[in-house]
């Protein structure tokens, strides 16, 4: 299945070379979860980030489906 992965700010450096600097469409096995994508991108386990699938909050154990858009954001602060 194909998943569009969008990485923002400091996470963008973890995109594979075939990405455009902010997103890439990647192939994963059926039944893959958010956690599997994060591991495949080699994002450190201790790095904090927020996850969304198709614009909705998502847990690391959420299953993915063909055509999903997975977005990862570093924690945001401001005022």
PDB file of N, CA and C in Angstrom:
ATOM      1  N   UNK A   1       0.847  -1.182   0.000  1.00  0.00           N
ATOM      2  CA  UNK A   1       0.000   0.000   0.000  1.00  0.00           C
ATOM      3  C   UNK A   1       0.886   1.236   0.000  1.00  0.00           C
ATOM      4  N   UNK A   2       0.361   2.317  -0.555  1.00  0.00           N
ATOM      5  CA  UNK A   2       1.114   3.567  -0.616  1.00  0.00           C
ATOM      6  C   UNK A   2       0.580   4.547   0.419  1.00  0.00           C
ATOM      7  N   UNK A   3       1.511   5.148   1.164  1.00  0.00           N
ATOM      8  CA  UNK A   3       1.203   6.128   2.206  1.00  0.00           C
ATOM      9  C   UNK A   3       1.960   7.407   1.875  1.00  0.00           C
ATOM     10  N   UNK A   4       1.281   8.535   1.921  1.00  0.00           N
ATOM     11  CA  UNK A   4       1.982   9.814   1.786  1.00  0.00           C
ATOM     12  C   UNK A   4       2.429  10.234   3.180  1.00  0.00           C
ATOM     13  N   UNK A   5       3.705  10.471   3.322  1.00  0.00           N
ATOM     14  CA  UNK A   5       4.284  10.862   4.607  1.00  0.00           C
ATOM     15  C   UNK A   5       4.706  12.314   4.503  1.00  0.00           C
ATOM     16  N   UNK A   6       4.225  13.119   5.439  1.00  0.00           N
ATOM     17  CA  UNK A   6       4.582  14.541   5.500  1.00  0.00           C
ATOM     18  C   UNK A   6       5.281  14.806   6.824  1.00  0.00           C
ATOM     19  N   UNK A   7       6.484  15.332   6.741  1.00  0.00           N
ATOM     20  CA  UNK A   7       7.268  15.643   7.937  1.00  0.00           C
ATOM     21  C   UNK A   7       7.513  17.143   7.980  1.00  0.00           C
ATOM     22  N   UNK A   8       7.349  17.722   9.157  1.00  0.00           N
ATOM     23  CA  UNK A   8       7.439  19.169   9.308  1.00  0.00           C
ATOM     24  C   UNK A   8       8.584  19.567  10.226  1.00  0.00           C
ATOM     25  N   UNK A   9       9.105  20.767   9.961  1.00  0.00           N
ATOM     26  CA  UNK A   9      10.151  21.411  10.770  1.00  0.00           C
ATOM     27  C   UNK A   9      11.362  20.478  10.917  1.00  0.00           C
ATOM     28  N   UNK A  10      11.790  20.240  12.139  1.00  0.00           N
ATOM     29  CA  UNK A  10      13.008  19.457  12.376  1.00  0.00           C
ATOM     30  C   UNK A  10      12.890  18.013  11.910  1.00  0.00           C
ATOM     31  N   UNK A  11      11.693  17.493  11.741  1.00  0.00           N
ATOM     32  CA  UNK A  11      11.511  16.109  11.299  1.00  0.00           C
ATOM     33  C   UNK A  11      11.736  15.937   9.798  1.00  0.00           C
ATOM     34  N   UNK A  12      11.687  17.017   9.036  1.00  0.00           N
ATOM     35  CA  UNK A  12      11.805  16.930   7.573  1.00  0.00           C
ATOM     36  C   UNK A  12      13.112  16.274   7.134  1.00  0.00           C
ATOM     37  N   UNK A  13      14.134  16.377   7.934  1.00  0.00           N
ATOM     38  CA  UNK A  13      15.410  15.765   7.604  1.00  0.00           C
ATOM     39  C   UNK A  13      15.386  14.248   7.575  1.00  0.00           C
ATOM     40  N   UNK A  14      14.327  13.635   8.076  1.00  0.00           N
ATOM     41  CA  UNK A  14      14.210  12.185   8.093  1.00  0.00           C
ATOM     42  C   UNK A  14      13.519  11.623   6.853  1.00  0.00           C
ATOM     43  N   UNK A  15      13.080  12.493   5.966  1.00  0.00           N
ATOM     44  CA  UNK A  15      12.459  12.005   4.725  1.00  0.00           C
ATOM     45  C   UNK A  15      13.509  11.339   3.848  1.00  0.00           C
ATOM     46  N   UNK A  16      13.126  10.280   3.136  1.00  0.00           N
ATOM     47  CA  UNK A  16      14.078   9.671   2.201  1.00  0.00           C
ATOM     48  C   UNK A  16      14.373  10.602   1.030  1.00  0.00           C
ATOM     49  N   UNK A  17      15.416  10.305   0.312  1.00  0.00           N
ATOM     50  CA  UNK A  17      15.868  11.154  -0.789  1.00  0.00           C
ATOM     51  C   UNK A  17      14.819  11.351  -1.873  1.00  0.00           C
ATOM     52  N   UNK A  18      13.926  10.377  -2.067  1.00  0.00           N
ATOM     53  CA  UNK A  18      12.925  10.525  -3.122  1.00  0.00           C
ATOM     54  C   UNK A  18      11.817  11.510  -2.759  1.00  0.00           C
ATOM     55  N   UNK A  19      11.835  12.039  -1.557  1.00  0.00           N
ATOM     56  CA  UNK A  19      10.863  13.044  -1.147  1.00  0.00           C
ATOM     57  C   UNK A  19      11.184  14.400  -1.739  1.00  0.00           C
ATOM     58  N   UNK A  20      10.233  15.316  -1.581  1.00  0.00           N
ATOM     59  CA  UNK A  20      10.423  16.663  -2.117  1.00  0.00           C
ATOM     60  C   UNK A  20      10.881  17.655  -1.052  1.00  0.00           C
ATOM     61  N   UNK A  21      11.320  17.155   0.090  1.00  0.00           N
ATOM     62  CA  UNK A  21      11.774  18.019   1.174  1.00  0.00           C
ATOM     63  C   UNK A  21      10.756  18.134   2.292  1.00  0.00           C
ATOM     64  N   UNK A  22       9.477  17.902   1.985  1.00  0.00           N
ATOM     65  CA  UNK A  22       8.435  17.940   3.010  1.00  0.00           C
ATOM     66  C   UNK A  22       7.563  16.698   2.995  1.00  0.00           C
ATOM     67  N   UNK A  23       7.487  16.003   1.863  1.00  0.00           N
ATOM     68  CA  UNK A  23       6.635  14.817   1.801  1.00  0.00           C
ATOM     69  C   UNK A  23       7.218  13.805   0.825  1.00  0.00           C
ATOM     70  N   UNK A  24       6.755  12.558   0.990  1.00  0.00           N
ATOM     71  CA  UNK A  24       7.140  11.472   0.094  1.00  0.00           C
ATOM     72  C   UNK A  24       6.040  10.435   0.114  1.00  0.00           C
ATOM     73  N   UNK A  25       5.816   9.794  -1.017  1.00  0.00           N
ATOM     74  CA  UNK A  25       4.880   8.679  -1.075  1.00  0.00           C
ATOM     75  C   UNK A  25       5.708   7.408  -1.002  1.00  0.00           C
ATOM     76  N   UNK A  26       5.425   6.599   0.031  1.00  0.00           N
ATOM     77  CA  UNK A  26       6.227   5.416   0.311  1.00  0.00           C
ATOM     78  C   UNK A  26       5.354   4.170   0.298  1.00  0.00           C
ATOM     79  N   UNK A  27       5.948   3.050  -0.012  1.00  0.00           N
ATOM     80  CA  UNK A  27       5.263   1.762  -0.076  1.00  0.00           C
ATOM     81  C   UNK A  27       5.480   1.008   1.232  1.00  0.00           C
ATOM     82  N   UNK A  28       4.377   0.480   1.793  1.00  0.00           N
ATOM     83  CA  UNK A  28       4.431  -0.306   3.029  1.00  0.00           C
ATOM     84  C   UNK A  28       3.564  -1.540   2.874  1.00  0.00           C
ATOM     85  N   UNK A  29       3.843  -2.555   3.676  1.00  0.00           N
ATOM     86  CA  UNK A  29       3.058  -3.785   3.649  1.00  0.00           C
ATOM     87  C   UNK A  29       1.662  -3.531   4.208  1.00  0.00           C
ATOM     88  N   UNK A  30       0.685  -4.252   3.680  1.00  0.00           N
ATOM     89  CA  UNK A  30      -0.664  -4.174   4.245  1.00  0.00           C
ATOM     90  C   UNK A  30      -0.594  -4.501   5.728  1.00  0.00           C
ATOM     91  N   UNK A  31      -1.381  -3.798   6.528  1.00  0.00           N
ATOM     92  CA  UNK A  31      -1.389  -4.006   7.969  1.00  0.00           C
ATOM     93  C   UNK A  31      -0.360  -3.179   8.720  1.00  0.00           C
ATOM     94  N   UNK A  32       0.403  -2.371   8.007  1.00  0.00           N
ATOM     95  CA  UNK A  32       1.397  -1.527   8.675  1.00  0.00           C
ATOM     96  C   UNK A  32       0.709  -0.496   9.556  1.00  0.00           C
ATOM     97  N   UNK A  33       1.407  -0.089  10.590  1.00  0.00           N
ATOM     98  CA  UNK A  33       0.898   0.892  11.546  1.00  0.00           C
ATOM     99  C   UNK A  33       1.783   2.140  11.512  1.00  0.00           C
ATOM    100  N   UNK A  34       1.312   3.188  12.144  1.00  0.00           N
ATOM    101  CA  UNK A  34       2.082   4.430  12.218  1.00  0.00           C
ATOM    102  C   UNK A  34       3.488   4.137  12.733  1.00  0.00           C
ATOM    103  N   UNK A  35       3.588   3.316  13.754  1.00  0.00           N
ATOM    104  CA  UNK A  35       4.881   2.966  14.356  1.00  0.00           C
ATOM    105  C   UNK A  35       5.850   2.383  13.316  1.00  0.00           C
ATOM    106  N   UNK A  36       5.339   1.568  12.402  1.00  0.00           N
ATOM    107  CA  UNK A  36       6.181   0.953  11.376  1.00  0.00           C
ATOM    108  C   UNK A  36       6.782   2.007  10.442  1.00  0.00           C
ATOM    109  N   UNK A  37       5.986   3.010  10.111  1.00  0.00           N
ATOM    110  CA  UNK A  37       6.476   4.086   9.248  1.00  0.00           C
ATOM    111  C   UNK A  37       7.555   4.886   9.975  1.00  0.00           C
ATOM    112  N   UNK A  38       7.291   5.231  11.229  1.00  0.00           N
ATOM    113  CA  UNK A  38       8.256   6.000  12.022  1.00  0.00           C
ATOM    114  C   UNK A  38       9.583   5.241  12.111  1.00  0.00           C
ATOM    115  N   UNK A  39       9.520   3.948  12.366  1.00  0.00           N
ATOM    116  CA  UNK A  39      10.755   3.141  12.449  1.00  0.00           C
ATOM    117  C   UNK A  39      11.470   3.099  11.110  1.00  0.00           C
ATOM    118  N   UNK A  40      10.719   2.958  10.021  1.00  0.00           N
ATOM    119  CA  UNK A  40      11.357   2.871   8.705  1.00  0.00           C
ATOM    120  C   UNK A  40      12.073   4.172   8.344  1.00  0.00           C
ATOM    121  N   UNK A  41      11.600   5.289   8.875  1.00  0.00           N
ATOM    122  CA  UNK A  41      12.237   6.584   8.628  1.00  0.00           C
ATOM    123  C   UNK A  41      13.422   6.840   9.561  1.00  0.00           C
ATOM    124  N   UNK A  42      13.624   5.938  10.512  1.00  0.00           N
ATOM    125  CA  UNK A  42      14.724   6.021  11.480  1.00  0.00           C
ATOM    126  C   UNK A  42      14.650   7.267  12.360  1.00  0.00           C
ATOM    127  N   UNK A  43      13.432   7.636  12.701  1.00  0.00           N
ATOM    128  CA  UNK A  43      13.236   8.737  13.648  1.00  0.00           C
ATOM    129  C   UNK A  43      13.525   8.177  15.039  1.00  0.00           C
ATOM    130  N   UNK A  44      14.402   8.803  15.812  1.00  0.00           N
ATOM    131  CA  UNK A  44      14.759   8.276  17.134  1.00  0.00           C
ATOM    132  C   UNK A  44      13.529   8.092  18.032  1.00  0.00           C
ATOM    133  N   UNK A  45      13.531   6.985  18.771  1.00  0.00           N
ATOM    134  CA  UNK A  45      12.396   6.657  19.633  1.00  0.00           C
ATOM    135  C   UNK A  45      12.171   7.691  20.727  1.00  0.00           C
ATOM    136  N   UNK A  46      13.232   8.396  21.136  1.00  0.00           N
ATOM    137  CA  UNK A  46      13.085   9.373  22.213  1.00  0.00           C
ATOM    138  C   UNK A  46      12.752  10.779  21.695  1.00  0.00           C
ATOM    139  N   UNK A  47      12.603  10.928  20.378  1.00  0.00           N
ATOM    140  CA  UNK A  47      12.264  12.234  19.811  1.00  0.00           C
ATOM    141  C   UNK A  47      10.751  12.457  19.934  1.00  0.00           C
ATOM    142  N   UNK A  48      10.350  13.563  20.560  1.00  0.00           N
ATOM    143  CA  UNK A  48       8.911  13.820  20.687  1.00  0.00           C
ATOM    144  C   UNK A  48       8.318  14.338  19.384  1.00  0.00           C
ATOM    145  N   UNK A  49       7.114  13.873  19.055  1.00  0.00           N
ATOM    146  CA  UNK A  49       6.398  14.370  17.884  1.00  0.00           C
ATOM    147  C   UNK A  49       4.920  14.049  18.021  1.00  0.00           C
ATOM    148  N   UNK A  50       4.119  14.758  17.256  1.00  0.00           N
ATOM    149  CA  UNK A  50       2.677  14.545  17.199  1.00  0.00           C
ATOM    150  C   UNK A  50       2.362  13.860  15.881  1.00  0.00           C
ATOM    151  N   UNK A  51       1.390  12.945  15.893  1.00  0.00           N
ATOM    152  CA  UNK A  51       1.042  12.224  14.679  1.00  0.00           C
ATOM    153  C   UNK A  51      -0.411  12.472  14.295  1.00  0.00           C
ATOM    154  N   UNK A  52      -0.622  12.576  12.982  1.00  0.00           N
ATOM    155  CA  UNK A  52      -1.973  12.711  12.450  1.00  0.00           C
ATOM    156  C   UNK A  52      -2.082  11.824  11.210  1.00  0.00           C
ATOM    157  N   UNK A  53      -3.241  11.187  11.063  1.00  0.00           N
ATOM    158  CA  UNK A  53      -3.545  10.427   9.857  1.00  0.00           C
ATOM    159  C   UNK A  53      -4.782  11.047   9.235  1.00  0.00           C
ATOM    160  N   UNK A  54      -4.643  11.497   8.018  1.00  0.00           N
ATOM    161  CA  UNK A  54      -5.748  12.141   7.298  1.00  0.00           C
ATOM    162  C   UNK A  54      -6.343  13.312   8.081  1.00  0.00           C
ATOM    163  N   UNK A  55      -5.459  14.073   8.757  1.00  0.00           N
ATOM    164  CA  UNK A  55      -5.881  15.271   9.467  1.00  0.00           C
ATOM    165  C   UNK A  55      -6.462  15.043  10.849  1.00  0.00           C
ATOM    166  N   UNK A  56      -6.390  13.814  11.343  1.00  0.00           N
ATOM    167  CA  UNK A  56      -6.915  13.504  12.687  1.00  0.00           C
ATOM    168  C   UNK A  56      -5.806  12.928  13.560  1.00  0.00           C
ATOM    169  N   UNK A  57      -5.878  13.240  14.866  1.00  0.00           N
ATOM    170  CA  UNK A  57      -4.897  12.693  15.797  1.00  0.00           C
ATOM    171  C   UNK A  57      -4.825  11.180  15.642  1.00  0.00           C
ATOM    172  N   UNK A  58      -3.608  10.654  15.756  1.00  0.00           N
ATOM    173  CA  UNK A  58      -3.409   9.216  15.598  1.00  0.00           C
ATOM    174  C   UNK A  58      -2.389   8.719  16.604  1.00  0.00           C
ATOM    175  N   UNK A  59      -2.603   7.510  17.080  1.00  0.00           N
ATOM    176  CA  UNK A  59      -1.667   6.851  17.981  1.00  0.00           C
ATOM    177  C   UNK A  59      -0.647   6.068  17.160  1.00  0.00           C
ATOM    178  N   UNK A  60       0.472   5.739  17.763  1.00  0.00           N
ATOM    179  CA  UNK A  60       1.507   4.990  17.062  1.00  0.00           C
ATOM    180  C   UNK A  60       1.032   3.607  16.628  1.00  0.00           C
ATOM    181  N   UNK A  61       0.058   3.036  17.327  1.00  0.00           N
ATOM    182  CA  UNK A  61      -0.420   1.697  16.966  1.00  0.00           C
ATOM    183  C   UNK A  61      -1.598   1.721  15.987  1.00  0.00           C
ATOM    184  N   UNK A  62      -1.941   2.894  15.475  1.00  0.00           N
ATOM    185  CA  UNK A  62      -3.055   2.983  14.527  1.00  0.00           C
ATOM    186  C   UNK A  62      -2.683   2.317  13.203  1.00  0.00           C
ATOM    187  N   UNK A  63      -3.546   1.419  12.711  1.00  0.00           N
ATOM    188  CA  UNK A  63      -3.289   0.820  11.397  1.00  0.00           C
ATOM    189  C   UNK A  63      -3.470   1.848  10.289  1.00  0.00           C
ATOM    190  N   UNK A  64      -2.737   1.653   9.218  1.00  0.00           N
ATOM    191  CA  UNK A  64      -2.814   2.547   8.065  1.00  0.00           C
ATOM    192  C   UNK A  64      -3.472   1.821   6.894  1.00  0.00           C
ATOM    193  N   UNK A  65      -4.046   2.595   5.986  1.00  0.00           N
ATOM    194  CA  UNK A  65      -4.680   2.045   4.790  1.00  0.00           C
ATOM    195  C   UNK A  65      -4.088   2.709   3.559  1.00  0.00           C
ATOM    196  N   UNK A  66      -4.208   2.044   2.427  1.00  0.00           N
ATOM    197  CA  UNK A  66      -3.705   2.578   1.178  1.00  0.00           C
ATOM    198  C   UNK A  66      -4.270   3.977   0.939  1.00  0.00           C
ATOM    199  N   UNK A  67      -3.397   4.911   0.601  1.00  0.00           N
ATOM    200  CA  UNK A  67      -3.815   6.275   0.319  1.00  0.00           C
ATOM    201  C   UNK A  67      -3.854   7.203   1.516  1.00  0.00           C
ATOM    202  N   UNK A  68      -3.584   6.690   2.724  1.00  0.00           N
ATOM    203  CA  UNK A  68      -3.575   7.547   3.913  1.00  0.00           C
ATOM    204  C   UNK A  68      -2.466   8.584   3.815  1.00  0.00           C
ATOM    205  N   UNK A  69      -2.665   9.693   4.509  1.00  0.00           N
ATOM    206  CA  UNK A  69      -1.655  10.740   4.637  1.00  0.00           C
ATOM    207  C   UNK A  69      -1.243  10.795   6.104  1.00  0.00           C
ATOM    208  N   UNK A  70       0.003  10.459   6.369  1.00  0.00           N
ATOM    209  CA  UNK A  70       0.554  10.485   7.720  1.00  0.00           C
ATOM    210  C   UNK A  70       1.394  11.736   7.866  1.00  0.00           C
ATOM    211  N   UNK A  71       1.060  12.572   8.843  1.00  0.00           N
ATOM    212  CA  UNK A  71       1.797  13.804   9.111  1.00  0.00           C
ATOM    213  C   UNK A  71       2.422  13.722  10.491  1.00  0.00           C
ATOM    214  N   UNK A  72       3.681  14.121  10.581  1.00  0.00           N
ATOM    215  CA  UNK A  72       4.389  14.161  11.860  1.00  0.00           C
ATOM    216  C   UNK A  72       4.884  15.576  12.101  1.00  0.00           C
ATOM    217  N   UNK A  73       4.616  16.072  13.307  1.00  0.00           N
ATOM    218  CA  UNK A  73       4.985  17.425  13.704  1.00  0.00           C
ATOM    219  C   UNK A  73       5.785  17.381  14.991  1.00  0.00           C
ATOM    220  N   UNK A  74       6.810  18.224  15.127  1.00  0.00           N
ATOM    221  CA  UNK A  74       7.458  18.351  16.439  1.00  0.00           C
ATOM    222  C   UNK A  74       6.490  19.066  17.374  1.00  0.00           C
ATOM    223  N   UNK A  75       6.659  18.935  18.686  1.00  0.00           N
ATOM    224  CA  UNK A  75       5.794  19.668  19.611  1.00  0.00           C
ATOM    225  C   UNK A  75       5.896  21.171  19.336  1.00  0.00           C
ATOM    226  N   UNK A  76       4.787  21.816  19.424  1.00  0.00           N
ATOM    227  CA  UNK A  76       4.721  23.256  19.158  1.00  0.00           C
ATOM    228  C   UNK A  76       4.512  24.019  20.442  1.00  0.00           C
ATOM    229  N   UNK A  77       5.105  25.177  20.522  1.00  0.00           N
ATOM    230  CA  UNK A  77       4.918  26.044  21.690  1.00  0.00           C
ATOM    231  C   UNK A  77       4.799  27.470  21.176  1.00  0.00           C
ATOM    232  N   UNK A  78       4.166  28.261  21.916  1.00  0.00           N
ATOM    233  CA  UNK A  78       4.035  29.643  21.521  1.00  0.00           C
ATOM    234  C   UNK A  78       3.048  30.367  22.414  1.00  0.00           C
ATOM    235  N   UNK A  79       2.772  31.568  22.058  1.00  0.00           N
ATOM    236  CA  UNK A  79       1.868  32.278  22.932  1.00  0.00           C
ATOM    237  C   UNK A  79       1.235  33.455  22.286  1.00  0.00           C
TER     238      UNK A  79
END
